[in-house]
Amino acid sequence: MIKHEFEVAMTCEGCSGAVSRVLNKLGADVKYEIDLPRRLVWIESDKDLEFLTETLKKCGKEVKYNGTK
């Protein structure tokens, strides 16, 4: 699986909770980590990058793709 790094405009636990809610809907084959202080989200998945980006945007925050890790 590929590990992607995204920068998400999260400012509080509510923001990271919103990110968790949209990512949890993707199923067990998607693993993720959230680093709230650094505003980073790592997603490990074989799903299409565009799909992952659009899914993250559903949390209502600005999303920037930083590349693979």
N, C-alpha and C. Protein backbone atom coordinates (compact mmCIF):
# COMPACT_ATOMS: atom_id res chain seq x y z
N MET A 1 0.84 -1.19 0.00
CA MET A 1 0.00 0.00 0.00
C MET A 1 0.87 1.24 0.00
N ILE A 2 0.35 2.28 -0.57
CA ILE A 2 1.06 3.55 -0.66
C ILE A 2 0.64 4.43 0.51
N LYS A 3 1.61 5.13 1.12
CA LYS A 3 1.32 6.04 2.22
C LYS A 3 1.40 7.48 1.71
N HIS A 4 0.27 8.17 1.74
CA HIS A 4 0.18 9.55 1.25
C HIS A 4 0.16 10.51 2.42
N GLU A 5 0.78 11.68 2.24
CA GLU A 5 0.76 12.71 3.27
C GLU A 5 -0.06 13.91 2.77
N PHE A 6 -0.99 14.33 3.61
CA PHE A 6 -1.83 15.49 3.30
C PHE A 6 -1.69 16.52 4.41
N GLU A 7 -1.76 17.78 4.05
CA GLU A 7 -1.84 18.86 5.01
C GLU A 7 -3.31 19.29 5.03
N VAL A 8 -3.91 19.26 6.22
CA VAL A 8 -5.32 19.59 6.36
C VAL A 8 -5.45 20.72 7.38
N ALA A 9 -6.23 21.75 7.05
CA ALA A 9 -6.37 22.93 7.90
C ALA A 9 -7.19 22.62 9.16
N MET A 10 -6.60 21.81 10.05
CA MET A 10 -7.26 21.43 11.30
C MET A 10 -6.75 22.35 12.42
N THR A 11 -7.67 22.81 13.25
CA THR A 11 -7.27 23.68 14.35
C THR A 11 -7.64 23.14 15.72
N CYS A 12 -8.46 22.09 15.77
CA CYS A 12 -8.93 21.59 17.06
C CYS A 12 -9.31 20.11 16.96
N GLU A 13 -9.68 19.55 18.11
CA GLU A 13 -10.10 18.14 18.15
C GLU A 13 -11.35 17.90 17.28
N GLY A 14 -12.21 18.89 17.19
CA GLY A 14 -13.40 18.76 16.36
C GLY A 14 -13.03 18.59 14.89
N CYS A 15 -12.00 19.31 14.47
CA CYS A 15 -11.52 19.21 13.09
C CYS A 15 -10.97 17.81 12.82
N SER A 16 -10.12 17.34 13.73
CA SER A 16 -9.54 16.01 13.52
C SER A 16 -10.62 14.93 13.62
N GLY A 17 -11.64 15.17 14.43
CA GLY A 17 -12.77 14.24 14.51
C GLY A 17 -13.52 14.17 13.20
N ALA A 18 -13.68 15.32 12.54
CA ALA A 18 -14.36 15.35 11.23
C ALA A 18 -13.55 14.56 10.20
N VAL A 19 -12.23 14.70 10.25
CA VAL A 19 -11.36 13.95 9.33
C VAL A 19 -11.51 12.45 9.60
N SER A 20 -11.51 12.07 10.88
CA SER A 20 -11.67 10.66 11.24
C SER A 20 -12.99 10.10 10.74
N ARG A 21 -14.05 10.87 10.88
CA ARG A 21 -15.37 10.39 10.45
C ARG A 21 -15.42 10.10 8.96
N VAL A 22 -14.87 11.00 8.13
CA VAL A 22 -14.92 10.74 6.68
C VAL A 22 -14.00 9.59 6.28
N LEU A 23 -12.86 9.45 6.95
CA LEU A 23 -11.93 8.38 6.59
C LEU A 23 -12.41 7.02 7.09
N ASN A 24 -13.11 6.99 8.22
CA ASN A 24 -13.64 5.72 8.73
C ASN A 24 -14.67 5.10 7.78
N LYS A 25 -15.31 5.92 6.97
CA LYS A 25 -16.30 5.42 6.02
C LYS A 25 -15.67 4.66 4.85
N LEU A 26 -14.34 4.77 4.70
CA LEU A 26 -13.66 4.12 3.57
C LEU A 26 -13.42 2.64 3.80
N GLY A 27 -13.56 2.18 5.03
CA GLY A 27 -13.42 0.75 5.30
C GLY A 27 -12.09 0.38 5.94
N ALA A 28 -11.98 -0.91 6.24
CA ALA A 28 -10.83 -1.43 6.99
C ALA A 28 -9.54 -1.47 6.17
N ASP A 29 -9.64 -1.41 4.84
CA ASP A 29 -8.43 -1.48 4.03
C ASP A 29 -7.70 -0.15 3.93
N VAL A 30 -8.22 0.88 4.61
CA VAL A 30 -7.59 2.20 4.63
C VAL A 30 -7.13 2.48 6.05
N LYS A 31 -5.81 2.70 6.20
CA LYS A 31 -5.26 3.05 7.51
C LYS A 31 -4.85 4.52 7.47
N TYR A 32 -5.00 5.20 8.61
CA TYR A 32 -4.62 6.61 8.63
C TYR A 32 -4.11 7.01 10.01
N GLU A 33 -3.32 8.08 10.01
CA GLU A 33 -2.83 8.70 11.23
C GLU A 33 -3.07 10.19 11.11
N ILE A 34 -3.38 10.83 12.24
CA ILE A 34 -3.60 12.27 12.27
C ILE A 34 -2.63 12.90 13.25
N ASP A 35 -1.91 13.92 12.79
CA ASP A 35 -1.02 14.70 13.66
C ASP A 35 -1.60 16.10 13.72
N LEU A 36 -2.45 16.35 14.72
CA LEU A 36 -3.16 17.62 14.82
C LEU A 36 -2.22 18.82 14.99
N PRO A 37 -1.21 18.77 15.88
CA PRO A 37 -0.33 19.95 16.02
C PRO A 37 0.37 20.35 14.73
N ARG A 38 0.75 19.37 13.92
CA ARG A 38 1.42 19.68 12.65
C ARG A 38 0.44 19.77 11.48
N ARG A 39 -0.84 19.50 11.75
CA ARG A 39 -1.90 19.55 10.73
C ARG A 39 -1.66 18.59 9.58
N LEU A 40 -1.16 17.39 9.90
CA LEU A 40 -0.86 16.40 8.88
C LEU A 40 -1.74 15.17 9.04
N VAL A 41 -2.07 14.58 7.89
CA VAL A 41 -2.82 13.32 7.86
C VAL A 41 -2.08 12.40 6.91
N TRP A 42 -1.78 11.18 7.41
CA TRP A 42 -1.16 10.17 6.56
C TRP A 42 -2.20 9.09 6.30
N ILE A 43 -2.38 8.77 5.03
CA ILE A 43 -3.34 7.73 4.65
C ILE A 43 -2.59 6.64 3.90
N GLU A 44 -2.74 5.41 4.38
CA GLU A 44 -2.12 4.26 3.73
C GLU A 44 -3.23 3.49 3.02
N SER A 45 -3.17 3.49 1.69
CA SER A 45 -4.25 2.90 0.90
C SER A 45 -3.81 2.66 -0.53
N ASP A 46 -4.50 1.73 -1.19
CA ASP A 46 -4.29 1.50 -2.61
C ASP A 46 -5.31 2.27 -3.45
N LYS A 47 -6.17 3.02 -2.78
CA LYS A 47 -7.19 3.78 -3.50
C LYS A 47 -6.55 4.93 -4.27
N ASP A 48 -7.24 5.39 -5.28
CA ASP A 48 -6.79 6.47 -6.15
C ASP A 48 -6.56 7.76 -5.36
N LEU A 49 -5.48 8.48 -5.67
CA LEU A 49 -5.14 9.72 -4.97
C LEU A 49 -6.26 10.75 -5.06
N GLU A 50 -6.85 10.89 -6.23
CA GLU A 50 -7.93 11.86 -6.40
C GLU A 50 -9.12 11.51 -5.49
N PHE A 51 -9.42 10.23 -5.39
CA PHE A 51 -10.50 9.76 -4.52
C PHE A 51 -10.21 10.11 -3.06
N LEU A 52 -8.97 9.86 -2.62
CA LEU A 52 -8.59 10.16 -1.24
C LEU A 52 -8.67 11.67 -0.96
N THR A 53 -8.20 12.47 -1.91
CA THR A 53 -8.23 13.93 -1.75
C THR A 53 -9.67 14.42 -1.65
N GLU A 54 -10.53 13.96 -2.53
CA GLU A 54 -11.94 14.38 -2.51
C GLU A 54 -12.63 13.91 -1.22
N THR A 55 -12.28 12.73 -0.73
CA THR A 55 -12.84 12.24 0.52
C THR A 55 -12.44 13.15 1.67
N LEU A 56 -11.17 13.52 1.74
CA LEU A 56 -10.70 14.41 2.80
C LEU A 56 -11.40 15.77 2.75
N LYS A 57 -11.65 16.27 1.55
CA LYS A 57 -12.30 17.58 1.41
C LYS A 57 -13.72 17.57 1.96
N LYS A 58 -14.32 16.39 2.10
CA LYS A 58 -15.68 16.29 2.64
C LYS A 58 -15.75 16.71 4.10
N CYS A 59 -14.61 16.79 4.78
CA CYS A 59 -14.60 17.23 6.18
C CYS A 59 -14.75 18.75 6.26
N GLY A 60 -14.71 19.43 5.12
CA GLY A 60 -14.94 20.88 5.09
C GLY A 60 -13.69 21.72 5.31
N LYS A 61 -12.53 21.09 5.30
CA LYS A 61 -11.28 21.81 5.53
C LYS A 61 -10.46 21.87 4.25
N GLU A 62 -9.55 22.85 4.20
CA GLU A 62 -8.65 22.96 3.07
C GLU A 62 -7.66 21.81 3.12
N VAL A 63 -7.43 21.18 1.95
CA VAL A 63 -6.56 20.00 1.88
C VAL A 63 -5.48 20.23 0.85
N LYS A 64 -4.24 19.90 1.22
CA LYS A 64 -3.11 20.02 0.31
C LYS A 64 -2.35 18.70 0.32
N TYR A 65 -2.04 18.17 -0.84
CA TYR A 65 -1.30 16.91 -0.96
C TYR A 65 0.20 17.21 -0.89
N ASN A 66 0.91 16.52 0.00
CA ASN A 66 2.35 16.75 0.15
C ASN A 66 3.20 15.68 -0.54
N GLY A 67 2.63 14.56 -0.92
CA GLY A 67 3.38 13.52 -1.59
C GLY A 67 3.32 12.20 -0.84
N THR A 68 4.10 11.23 -1.31
CA THR A 68 4.11 9.92 -0.66
C THR A 68 5.23 9.87 0.37
N LYS A 69 5.06 8.99 1.32
CA LYS A 69 6.05 8.84 2.40
C LYS A 69 6.53 7.42 2.44
